[in-house]
């Protein structure tokens, strides 16, 4: 592990030439198998996408506890809620465009309203789905789900953290939304990296920071790469990884705002209603702070390779560094 410079603290496995990569959906597959081995109440339901979602990993281990719901996401949500009434802990999986995109009303009425411990798993979220295009690039799900009372919302940063998030979700009362990606992304945490629902992780902290970069999901690795670019220019920054969008780690966000005085948020989501909005709501009430929300600005996605799309929307390391640089100079 290489330090960016002597004046900063780095708490992640980054900047290795041979860093492992895997899609966060792999963490879902591993996590469900892990909790399934220790808790017979765990069941997995899938809407005809078991291989793509990695639900088939659970199916192979526990075929008697796997339900193929078919292309019927609304029924899948209602069935899962009913299963909680007899003590089961269901994970329901499909593409985020369909789960929660297609079955939002059932999630709202049969799951959230009843505080049923269903774990809603939205796969292939964000523009990094790539060539599948706008219809499958779900960019509104964080906003949809965090608006639901009592719904926990988690966007893991890498496959290892995704595994931990699944395990933590299984042990959490009430409904949880877990957001996963399709493309392989760097695994920058380790088995020893702490994960707790509702807690952020300080990945990088420079001396006298001029800007704090707050990221959720797999874009946190790009945020770290941006911090290296800025450090090379003499611009000190903070990188705070925030896997839990709801409940937000208010103390960590406010501390970053106090230290840096400026906040850039990053997400593979619409700039409205998502992670940046959650941060802005907190700061507006408790600590007004200059900020920039990076995401998809009132647009649908489009077809392209994941790296091309992230660059196009300014969500790669270069785009993040540019936004942080401009905000720090304001």
Protein backbone atom coordinates (compact mmCIF):
# COMPACT_ATOMS: atom_id res chain seq x y z
CA UNK A 1 0.00 0.00 0.00
CA UNK A 2 1.41 3.35 -1.03
CA UNK A 3 0.89 6.52 0.97
CA UNK A 4 -0.09 9.55 -1.06
CA UNK A 5 2.16 11.75 0.98
CA UNK A 6 3.52 11.97 4.51
CA UNK A 7 0.83 14.41 5.62
CA UNK A 8 -2.14 12.15 5.04
CA UNK A 9 -3.71 9.07 6.58
CA UNK A 10 -4.93 6.30 4.30
CA UNK A 11 -7.18 3.54 5.65
CA UNK A 12 -7.85 1.42 2.57
CA UNK A 13 -6.05 -0.98 0.27
CA UNK A 14 -5.55 1.19 -2.79
CA UNK A 15 -3.17 2.16 -5.56
CA UNK A 16 -1.88 -1.38 -5.94
CA UNK A 17 -1.10 -2.35 -9.52
CA UNK A 18 -2.69 -5.75 -9.07
CA UNK A 19 -5.69 -4.82 -6.93
CA UNK A 20 -8.45 -7.40 -7.16
CA UNK A 21 -11.70 -6.49 -8.85
CA UNK A 22 -15.19 -7.98 -8.67
CA UNK A 23 -18.75 -6.68 -9.06
CA UNK A 24 -20.54 -5.83 -5.83
CA UNK A 25 -23.27 -8.30 -6.82
CA UNK A 26 -20.71 -11.03 -6.04
CA UNK A 27 -20.86 -9.85 -2.44
CA UNK A 28 -24.59 -10.50 -2.48
CA UNK A 29 -24.05 -14.09 -3.60
CA UNK A 30 -21.35 -14.74 -1.00
CA UNK A 31 -23.23 -12.96 1.76
CA UNK A 32 -26.49 -14.82 1.31
CA UNK A 33 -24.69 -18.18 1.34
CA UNK A 34 -22.81 -17.13 4.48
CA UNK A 35 -25.91 -16.14 6.44
CA UNK A 36 -27.87 -19.05 5.00
CA UNK A 37 -25.44 -21.48 6.62
CA UNK A 38 -26.04 -20.09 10.11
CA UNK A 39 -29.70 -19.06 9.94
CA UNK A 40 -32.34 -21.36 8.48
CA UNK A 41 -34.81 -18.46 8.33
CA UNK A 42 -32.94 -16.94 5.39
CA UNK A 43 -34.68 -17.40 2.04
CA UNK A 44 -33.91 -15.89 -1.37
CA UNK A 45 -36.46 -15.00 -4.03
CA UNK A 46 -35.51 -13.96 -7.55
CA UNK A 47 -37.39 -12.62 -10.57
CA UNK A 48 -35.98 -14.79 -13.37
CA UNK A 49 -32.46 -13.37 -13.09
CA UNK A 50 -30.75 -15.76 -10.70
CA UNK A 51 -27.45 -15.96 -12.59
CA UNK A 52 -27.14 -12.22 -13.24
CA UNK A 53 -28.00 -11.31 -9.66
CA UNK A 54 -25.86 -14.10 -8.15
CA UNK A 55 -28.96 -15.49 -6.43
CA UNK A 56 -28.02 -18.81 -8.02
CA UNK A 57 -25.12 -19.06 -5.55
CA UNK A 58 -27.68 -19.38 -2.75
CA UNK A 59 -29.89 -21.62 -4.88
CA UNK A 60 -27.07 -24.14 -5.36
CA UNK A 61 -26.43 -24.34 -1.61
CA UNK A 62 -30.03 -24.22 -0.39
CA UNK A 63 -32.42 -25.19 -3.21
CA UNK A 64 -35.23 -25.79 -0.72
CA UNK A 65 -34.99 -22.18 0.45
CA UNK A 66 -34.85 -20.57 -2.99
CA UNK A 67 -37.95 -19.38 -4.84
CA UNK A 68 -37.96 -18.52 -8.52
CA UNK A 69 -40.75 -15.96 -8.76
CA UNK A 70 -40.49 -15.49 -12.51
CA UNK A 71 -40.93 -12.15 -14.23
CA UNK A 72 -43.33 -11.04 -11.50
CA UNK A 73 -41.51 -8.57 -9.28
CA UNK A 74 -44.71 -7.27 -7.70
CA UNK A 75 -45.77 -10.74 -6.64
CA UNK A 76 -42.23 -11.45 -5.43
CA UNK A 77 -42.38 -8.51 -3.00
CA UNK A 78 -45.80 -9.51 -1.68
CA UNK A 79 -44.81 -13.16 -1.29
CA UNK A 80 -41.70 -12.15 0.63
CA UNK A 81 -43.70 -9.95 2.97
CA UNK A 82 -46.07 -12.85 3.64
CA UNK A 83 -43.13 -15.12 4.40
CA UNK A 84 -41.99 -12.78 7.18
CA UNK A 85 -45.30 -13.44 8.92
CA UNK A 86 -44.16 -17.02 9.51
CA UNK A 87 -40.67 -16.04 10.66
CA UNK A 88 -38.66 -16.02 7.44
CA UNK A 89 -36.06 -13.40 6.50
CA UNK A 90 -36.36 -12.98 2.71
CA UNK A 91 -33.90 -11.39 0.31
CA UNK A 92 -35.60 -10.46 -2.96
CA UNK A 93 -33.37 -9.91 -5.99
CA UNK A 94 -33.73 -8.46 -9.46
CA UNK A 95 -32.34 -5.58 -11.47
CA UNK A 96 -32.86 -2.30 -9.64
CA UNK A 97 -34.85 -1.03 -12.63
CA UNK A 98 -37.46 -3.64 -11.69
CA UNK A 99 -36.83 -4.05 -7.97
CA UNK A 100 -37.73 -1.42 -6.70
CA UNK A 101 -38.49 0.14 -10.09
CA UNK A 102 -41.44 -2.07 -11.02
CA UNK A 103 -42.67 -3.16 -7.60
CA UNK A 104 -42.39 0.05 -5.61
CA UNK A 105 -46.03 0.06 -4.52
CA UNK A 106 -45.79 -3.47 -3.15
CA UNK A 107 -42.56 -2.61 -1.34
CA UNK A 108 -44.22 0.46 0.10
CA UNK A 109 -47.49 -1.14 1.16
CA UNK A 110 -46.68 -4.75 2.02
CA UNK A 111 -43.10 -4.32 3.26
CA UNK A 112 -42.33 -0.80 4.48
CA UNK A 113 -45.75 -0.02 5.93
CA UNK A 114 -45.63 -3.25 7.93
CA UNK A 115 -41.93 -2.92 8.74
CA UNK A 116 -41.46 -6.43 7.41
CA UNK A 117 -37.82 -7.61 7.51
CA UNK A 118 -37.57 -8.07 3.75
CA UNK A 119 -34.20 -7.21 2.22
CA UNK A 120 -34.76 -5.63 -1.20
CA UNK A 121 -31.74 -6.14 -3.45
CA UNK A 122 -31.41 -3.96 -6.54
CA UNK A 123 -28.76 -5.19 -8.96
CA UNK A 124 -27.16 -3.55 -12.01
CA UNK A 125 -27.81 -0.06 -10.60
CA UNK A 126 -26.25 3.09 -12.05
CA UNK A 127 -24.83 3.93 -15.48
CA UNK A 128 -22.01 1.42 -15.11
CA UNK A 129 -24.45 -1.26 -16.31
CA UNK A 130 -23.06 0.00 -19.63
CA UNK A 131 -24.47 -1.13 -22.99
CA UNK A 132 -27.83 -2.15 -21.49
CA UNK A 133 -28.73 1.52 -21.78
CA UNK A 134 -31.23 3.86 -20.18
CA UNK A 135 -34.01 1.34 -19.57
CA UNK A 136 -31.77 -0.74 -17.30
CA UNK A 137 -29.62 2.02 -15.77
CA UNK A 138 -31.57 2.67 -12.59
CA UNK A 139 -30.74 6.16 -11.34
CA UNK A 140 -33.70 6.93 -9.09
CA UNK A 141 -33.74 4.04 -6.62
CA UNK A 142 -31.90 5.66 -3.70
CA UNK A 143 -34.41 8.51 -3.69
CA UNK A 144 -37.36 6.14 -3.96
CA UNK A 145 -36.21 3.95 -1.11
CA UNK A 146 -34.86 6.50 1.33
CA UNK A 147 -38.21 8.29 1.21
CA UNK A 148 -39.92 5.23 2.71
CA UNK A 149 -40.30 5.46 6.50
CA UNK A 150 -38.18 2.91 8.34
CA UNK A 151 -36.27 1.77 5.24
CA UNK A 152 -32.50 1.34 5.64
CA UNK A 153 -30.57 2.13 2.43
CA UNK A 154 -27.08 0.74 1.77
CA UNK A 155 -24.80 1.15 -1.28
CA UNK A 156 -21.68 -0.97 -0.64
CA UNK A 157 -18.32 0.24 -1.94
CA UNK A 158 -16.91 -3.06 -3.14
CA UNK A 159 -17.63 -6.78 -3.24
CA UNK A 160 -16.15 -7.45 0.20
CA UNK A 161 -18.16 -4.67 1.82
CA UNK A 162 -21.23 -5.92 -0.05
CA UNK A 163 -20.80 -9.32 1.58
CA UNK A 164 -20.63 -7.67 5.00
CA UNK A 165 -23.65 -5.51 4.21
CA UNK A 166 -25.73 -8.58 3.37
CA UNK A 167 -24.72 -10.23 6.64
CA UNK A 168 -25.55 -7.06 8.58
CA UNK A 169 -28.87 -6.66 6.78
CA UNK A 170 -29.89 -10.21 7.71
CA UNK A 171 -29.36 -9.29 11.36
CA UNK A 172 -31.28 -6.00 11.10
CA UNK A 173 -34.91 -5.65 12.09
CA UNK A 174 -37.15 -4.08 9.48
CA UNK A 175 -36.75 -3.58 5.74
CA UNK A 176 -33.43 -2.87 4.05
CA UNK A 177 -32.58 -1.78 0.51
CA UNK A 178 -29.20 -2.97 -0.80
CA UNK A 179 -27.82 -1.50 -4.03
CA UNK A 180 -25.39 -3.50 -6.17
CA UNK A 181 -23.50 -2.98 -9.43
CA UNK A 182 -22.86 -5.17 -12.45
CA UNK A 183 -19.33 -4.20 -13.46
CA UNK A 184 -16.19 -5.39 -11.73
CA UNK A 185 -14.76 -2.66 -9.51
CA UNK A 186 -11.67 -2.50 -7.25
CA UNK A 187 -11.89 -4.25 -3.89
CA UNK A 188 -10.38 -1.59 -1.66
CA UNK A 189 -11.55 -2.92 1.71
CA UNK A 190 -10.42 -6.11 3.44
CA UNK A 191 -12.04 -8.65 5.72
CA UNK A 192 -10.70 -6.57 8.63
CA UNK A 193 -12.12 -3.25 7.43
CA UNK A 194 -14.95 -2.30 9.79
CA UNK A 195 -18.51 -2.21 8.49
CA UNK A 196 -21.51 -1.15 10.50
CA UNK A 197 -24.87 0.00 9.23
CA UNK A 198 -25.17 3.73 9.79
CA UNK A 199 -21.42 4.34 9.97
CA UNK A 200 -19.18 6.05 7.43
CA UNK A 201 -15.53 5.18 6.86
CA UNK A 202 -12.77 7.78 6.62
CA UNK A 203 -10.61 6.55 3.77
CA UNK A 204 -8.28 9.50 3.38
CA UNK A 205 -7.53 12.55 5.48
CA UNK A 206 -4.96 15.15 4.58
CA UNK A 207 -3.63 17.94 6.78
CA UNK A 208 -5.73 21.13 6.78
CA UNK A 209 -8.10 19.83 4.08
CA UNK A 210 -9.66 22.34 1.71
CA UNK A 211 -12.40 20.04 0.44
CA UNK A 212 -14.13 16.87 1.61
CA UNK A 213 -15.17 14.27 -0.95
CA UNK A 214 -18.09 12.18 0.23
CA UNK A 215 -18.96 9.13 -1.83
CA UNK A 216 -21.32 6.19 -1.70
CA UNK A 217 -21.14 2.91 -3.60
CA UNK A 218 -18.29 1.76 -5.80
CA UNK A 219 -17.35 5.31 -6.83
CA UNK A 220 -15.44 5.70 -3.56
CA UNK A 221 -12.38 4.15 -5.19
CA UNK A 222 -12.46 6.84 -7.88
CA UNK A 223 -12.75 9.40 -5.08
CA UNK A 224 -9.51 8.06 -3.60
CA UNK A 225 -7.80 8.29 -6.97
CA UNK A 226 -9.02 11.88 -7.22
CA UNK A 227 -7.53 12.59 -3.79
CA UNK A 228 -4.16 11.39 -5.07
CA UNK A 229 -4.39 13.76 -8.05
CA UNK A 230 -5.24 16.66 -5.75
CA UNK A 231 -2.44 15.76 -3.32
CA UNK A 232 0.06 15.80 -6.18
CA UNK A 233 -1.08 19.37 -6.83
CA UNK A 234 -0.73 20.32 -3.17
CA UNK A 235 -4.48 20.40 -2.52
CA UNK A 236 -5.32 18.54 0.69
CA UNK A 237 -8.61 16.69 0.93
CA UNK A 238 -10.75 14.23 2.85
CA UNK A 239 -12.38 11.13 1.36
CA UNK A 240 -15.30 9.84 3.40
CA UNK A 241 -16.93 6.63 2.20
CA UNK A 242 -20.62 6.55 3.18
CA UNK A 243 -22.10 3.13 2.38
CA UNK A 244 -25.24 3.73 4.45
CA UNK A 245 -27.31 6.49 2.89
CA UNK A 246 -30.06 5.98 5.48
CA UNK A 247 -29.55 6.27 8.37
CA UNK A 248 -26.84 8.77 7.47
CA UNK A 249 -23.78 9.00 9.71
CA UNK A 250 -24.53 12.58 10.69
CA UNK A 251 -21.56 12.96 13.02
CA UNK A 252 -19.06 11.89 10.36
CA UNK A 253 -20.60 14.14 7.69
CA UNK A 254 -20.70 17.15 9.99
CA UNK A 255 -17.13 16.52 11.12
CA UNK A 256 -15.93 16.42 7.50
CA UNK A 257 -17.80 19.65 6.77
CA UNK A 258 -16.25 21.37 9.78
CA UNK A 259 -12.74 20.26 8.86
CA UNK A 260 -12.88 21.13 5.15
CA UNK A 261 -15.55 23.81 4.83
CA UNK A 262 -16.55 22.47 1.41
CA UNK A 263 -18.25 19.22 0.41
CA UNK A 264 -18.40 17.32 -2.88
CA UNK A 265 -20.77 14.35 -2.96
CA UNK A 266 -20.55 11.57 -5.54
CA UNK A 267 -23.09 8.96 -6.60
CA UNK A 268 -24.20 6.90 -9.60
CA UNK A 269 -27.69 8.34 -9.28
CA UNK A 270 -29.76 11.37 -10.13
CA UNK A 271 -28.44 14.47 -8.38
CA UNK A 272 -31.99 14.99 -7.11
CA UNK A 273 -33.28 12.89 -4.17
CA UNK A 274 -30.22 10.71 -3.69
CA UNK A 275 -27.13 10.63 -1.48
CA UNK A 276 -26.14 14.23 -2.17
CA UNK A 277 -29.64 15.36 -1.33
CA UNK A 278 -29.46 13.53 2.00
CA UNK A 279 -26.17 15.27 2.82
CA UNK A 280 -27.54 18.66 1.71
CA UNK A 281 -30.63 18.24 3.90
CA UNK A 282 -28.44 17.56 6.92
CA UNK A 283 -26.06 20.45 6.26
CA UNK A 284 -28.88 22.91 5.53
CA UNK A 285 -30.33 22.23 8.95
CA UNK A 286 -27.23 21.82 11.10
CA UNK A 287 -24.19 23.30 9.34
CA UNK A 288 -24.70 25.24 6.07
CA UNK A 289 -21.71 24.38 3.88
CA UNK A 290 -20.66 25.07 0.31
CA UNK A 291 -21.18 21.90 -1.66
CA UNK A 292 -21.38 20.33 -5.10
CA UNK A 293 -23.50 17.27 -5.85
CA UNK A 294 -21.96 15.07 -8.54
CA UNK A 295 -24.21 12.55 -10.23
CA UNK A 296 -26.52 12.36 -13.22
CA UNK A 297 -28.13 15.75 -13.58
CA UNK A 298 -31.77 15.35 -14.66
CA UNK A 299 -30.97 12.94 -17.48
CA UNK A 300 -31.49 9.32 -18.33
CA UNK A 301 -28.50 7.13 -19.02
CA UNK A 302 -27.32 5.91 -22.40
CA UNK A 303 -25.50 2.98 -23.92
CA UNK A 304 -21.73 2.80 -23.67
CA UNK A 305 -18.92 1.05 -21.87
CA UNK A 306 -18.93 1.63 -18.08
CA UNK A 307 -15.68 3.61 -18.10
CA UNK A 308 -16.90 5.78 -20.98
CA UNK A 309 -20.15 6.59 -19.22
CA UNK A 310 -18.54 7.42 -15.89
CA UNK A 311 -16.15 9.75 -17.70
CA UNK A 312 -18.99 11.32 -19.72
CA UNK A 313 -20.94 12.14 -16.58
CA UNK A 314 -17.88 13.39 -14.71
CA UNK A 315 -17.87 10.51 -12.24
CA UNK A 316 -14.38 9.18 -12.90
CA UNK A 317 -11.33 10.25 -10.91
CA UNK A 318 -10.57 13.12 -13.27
CA UNK A 319 -14.11 14.48 -13.10
CA UNK A 320 -14.23 14.20 -9.32
CA UNK A 321 -10.86 15.95 -8.96
CA UNK A 322 -11.99 18.74 -11.28
CA UNK A 323 -15.17 19.33 -9.26
CA UNK A 324 -13.23 19.31 -5.98
CA UNK A 325 -10.61 21.66 -7.39
CA UNK A 326 -13.22 24.18 -8.54
CA UNK A 327 -15.12 24.07 -5.27
CA UNK A 328 -11.95 24.48 -3.21
CA UNK A 329 -11.10 27.60 -5.22
CA UNK A 330 -14.55 29.17 -4.75
